[in-house]
Amino acid sequence: MGHAQHSSELPRVGNGRGRVTRCRRSGVRRRTDQPAQDQSTEIRTYVGTFDAVAAGPRNGRKVLLLHGFPGLGIEWEEQLLALAAAGYRAVAPDQRGYSPGVRPSEIADYGLDYGVNDVVAIADALGWYKFDLVGHDWGACVAWVAAARYEYRVRRRR
């Protein structure tokens, strides 16, 4: 399925009219049915400020989605909408190097350990102690190591 298509099987949220919004700092445009106040957000951490898209009730079960290389959090749009409709609070940050507020100049600062530490910094900034973690491509590598290293923070499917 292409990025522009929307599966009819996925539950939709909002008023159904949709609108195009722009992520504040990266300028990425997207169509969405989510309420405007839940579109894009900035997550301030000790590392820097990550751009992110978020959906779902703030008191819902927490899910952090990590994009692949190259990519942005908005690539999780369909999953964000489906998770929100199911009552989850889903957040998809633009990872290190993609968020304008977290673009180190040194190549060494893009190693796997930094991405793993970013996951915990983002969760801490969101006030999440325990959360589900999903990753694709490079995001899956980061998620896998984060889940192993911080197993007491990342929920396991049972």
Protein backbone atom coordinates (compact mmCIF):
# COMPACT_ATOMS: atom_id res chain seq x y z
CA MET A 1 0.00 0.00 0.00
CA GLY A 2 1.39 3.44 -0.91
CA HIS A 3 1.78 6.23 1.59
CA ALA A 4 -1.02 8.28 0.01
CA GLN A 5 -3.63 5.54 0.33
CA HIS A 6 -5.75 4.94 3.40
CA SER A 7 -6.96 1.43 4.14
CA SER A 8 -10.72 1.20 4.53
CA GLU A 9 -10.13 -1.37 7.29
CA LEU A 10 -8.42 1.11 9.58
CA PRO A 11 -10.71 2.95 11.97
CA ARG A 12 -10.78 6.70 11.39
CA VAL A 13 -11.07 9.32 14.09
CA GLY A 14 -12.12 12.95 14.09
CA ASN A 15 -14.90 14.53 12.05
CA GLY A 16 -14.01 12.72 8.82
CA ARG A 17 -13.46 15.94 6.87
CA GLY A 18 -9.71 15.87 7.36
CA ARG A 19 -7.27 18.70 6.82
CA VAL A 20 -3.66 19.19 5.88
CA THR A 21 -1.35 20.20 8.67
CA ARG A 22 2.30 21.10 8.77
CA CYS A 23 4.71 19.92 11.44
CA ARG A 24 5.88 23.08 13.16
CA ARG A 25 9.58 22.84 12.57
CA SER A 26 10.26 20.29 9.84
CA GLY A 27 7.61 21.69 7.48
CA VAL A 28 6.26 18.24 6.52
CA ARG A 29 2.68 18.44 5.27
CA ARG A 30 0.15 15.68 5.85
CA ARG A 31 -3.55 14.93 5.70
CA THR A 32 -5.18 14.02 8.95
CA ASP A 33 -8.51 13.51 10.66
CA GLN A 34 -7.15 14.14 14.15
CA PRO A 35 -8.15 17.19 16.19
CA ALA A 36 -5.75 20.08 15.60
CA GLN A 37 -4.45 20.16 19.19
CA ASP A 38 -3.20 16.58 18.79
CA GLN A 39 -1.32 17.01 15.52
CA SER A 40 2.31 17.78 16.07
CA THR A 41 4.25 18.38 19.19
CA GLU A 42 7.73 19.09 20.39
CA ILE A 43 9.31 16.87 23.02
CA ARG A 44 11.96 18.68 25.01
CA THR A 45 14.67 16.41 26.43
CA TYR A 46 18.16 16.87 27.84
CA VAL A 47 19.44 15.91 24.37
CA GLY A 48 17.41 18.52 22.50
CA THR A 49 13.92 19.01 21.14
CA PHE A 50 12.34 16.24 19.07
CA ASP A 51 9.50 16.95 16.65
CA ALA A 52 6.75 14.35 16.90
CA VAL A 53 3.21 13.52 15.86
CA ALA A 54 0.82 12.20 18.48
CA ALA A 55 -2.70 10.85 18.63
CA GLY A 56 -5.07 9.32 21.13
CA PRO A 57 -6.22 10.05 24.65
CA ARG A 58 -3.47 11.23 26.99
CA ASN A 59 -4.57 8.64 29.56
CA GLY A 60 -4.47 5.77 27.03
CA ARG A 61 -1.90 2.99 27.06
CA LYS A 62 1.39 4.50 25.86
CA VAL A 63 3.00 3.52 22.55
CA LEU A 64 6.20 4.99 21.08
CA LEU A 65 6.73 4.39 17.34
CA LEU A 66 10.21 4.75 15.79
CA HIS A 67 10.57 5.35 12.04
CA GLY A 68 13.13 3.87 9.67
CA PHE A 69 15.95 5.34 7.62
CA PRO A 70 15.32 7.65 5.97
CA GLY A 71 12.00 8.67 7.36
CA LEU A 72 9.92 10.75 9.73
CA GLY A 73 7.38 10.05 12.44
CA ILE A 74 4.53 11.00 10.09
CA GLU A 75 5.14 7.74 8.23
CA TRP A 76 3.22 6.13 11.10
CA GLU A 77 0.07 8.16 10.29
CA GLU A 78 -2.18 5.15 9.62
CA GLN A 79 -0.97 3.35 12.73
CA LEU A 80 -1.35 6.51 14.84
CA LEU A 81 -4.97 6.84 13.73
CA ALA A 82 -5.73 3.16 14.33
CA LEU A 83 -4.07 3.17 17.76
CA ALA A 84 -5.88 6.37 18.74
CA ALA A 85 -9.21 4.89 17.68
CA ALA A 86 -8.43 1.87 19.89
CA GLY A 87 -7.79 4.13 22.89
CA TYR A 88 -3.98 4.17 22.87
CA ARG A 89 -1.80 7.25 23.28
CA ALA A 90 0.63 6.93 20.36
CA VAL A 91 3.62 9.18 19.74
CA ALA A 92 5.96 9.01 16.73
CA PRO A 93 9.00 11.27 17.10
CA ASP A 94 11.33 12.32 14.32
CA GLN A 95 14.49 10.61 15.51
CA ARG A 96 17.98 12.02 15.97
CA GLY A 97 19.14 13.72 12.79
CA TYR A 98 15.59 14.25 11.50
CA SER A 99 14.35 16.64 14.19
CA PRO A 100 15.90 20.08 13.65
CA GLY A 101 16.46 20.35 17.42
CA VAL A 102 18.53 17.16 17.56
CA ARG A 103 21.08 17.21 14.75
CA PRO A 104 24.55 16.70 16.19
CA SER A 105 27.46 17.71 13.97
CA GLU A 106 29.64 14.68 14.82
CA ILE A 107 29.00 11.42 12.96
CA ALA A 108 29.80 9.45 16.12
CA ASP A 109 26.75 11.04 17.79
CA TYR A 110 24.45 9.02 15.51
CA GLY A 111 25.41 5.61 16.91
CA LEU A 112 22.89 3.06 18.11
CA ASP A 113 23.51 3.80 21.80
CA TYR A 114 22.52 7.43 21.29
CA GLY A 115 19.25 6.40 19.65
CA VAL A 116 18.54 3.99 22.49
CA ASN A 117 19.18 6.70 25.08
CA ASP A 118 16.93 9.05 23.08
CA VAL A 119 14.06 6.57 23.49
CA VAL A 120 14.32 6.77 27.27
CA ALA A 121 14.82 10.56 27.20
CA ILE A 122 11.65 10.93 25.11
CA ALA A 123 9.66 8.60 27.37
CA ASP A 124 10.89 10.50 30.43
CA ALA A 125 9.95 13.85 28.87
CA LEU A 126 6.47 12.49 28.16
CA GLY A 127 6.14 11.27 31.74
CA TRP A 128 5.98 7.63 30.63
CA TYR A 129 7.57 5.05 32.88
CA LYS A 130 6.17 1.93 31.17
CA PHE A 131 5.34 1.92 27.46
CA ASP A 132 5.01 -0.21 24.33
CA LEU A 133 7.71 0.27 21.71
CA VAL A 134 7.37 -0.28 17.95
CA GLY A 135 10.06 0.21 15.33
CA HIS A 136 10.59 -0.08 11.59
CA ASP A 137 13.93 -0.51 9.80
CA TRP A 138 16.53 1.56 11.73
CA GLY A 139 13.83 2.31 14.30
CA ALA A 140 13.46 -1.44 14.86
CA CYS A 141 17.19 -1.72 15.60
CA VAL A 142 16.89 1.09 18.13
CA ALA A 143 13.70 -0.42 19.61
CA TRP A 144 15.22 -3.90 19.91
CA VAL A 145 18.25 -2.68 21.86
CA ALA A 146 16.15 -0.28 23.96
CA ALA A 147 13.76 -3.11 24.88
CA ALA A 148 16.67 -5.35 25.88
CA ARG A 149 18.55 -2.67 27.80
CA TYR A 150 15.50 -1.13 29.49
CA GLU A 151 13.33 -4.22 29.81
CA TYR A 152 11.79 -2.87 33.02
CA ARG A 153 10.43 0.13 31.05
CA VAL A 154 9.28 -1.49 27.81
CA ARG A 155 6.19 -3.71 27.95
CA ARG A 156 6.49 -7.25 26.68
CA ARG A 157 3.69 -8.94 24.83
CA ARG A 158 2.46 -11.96 26.74
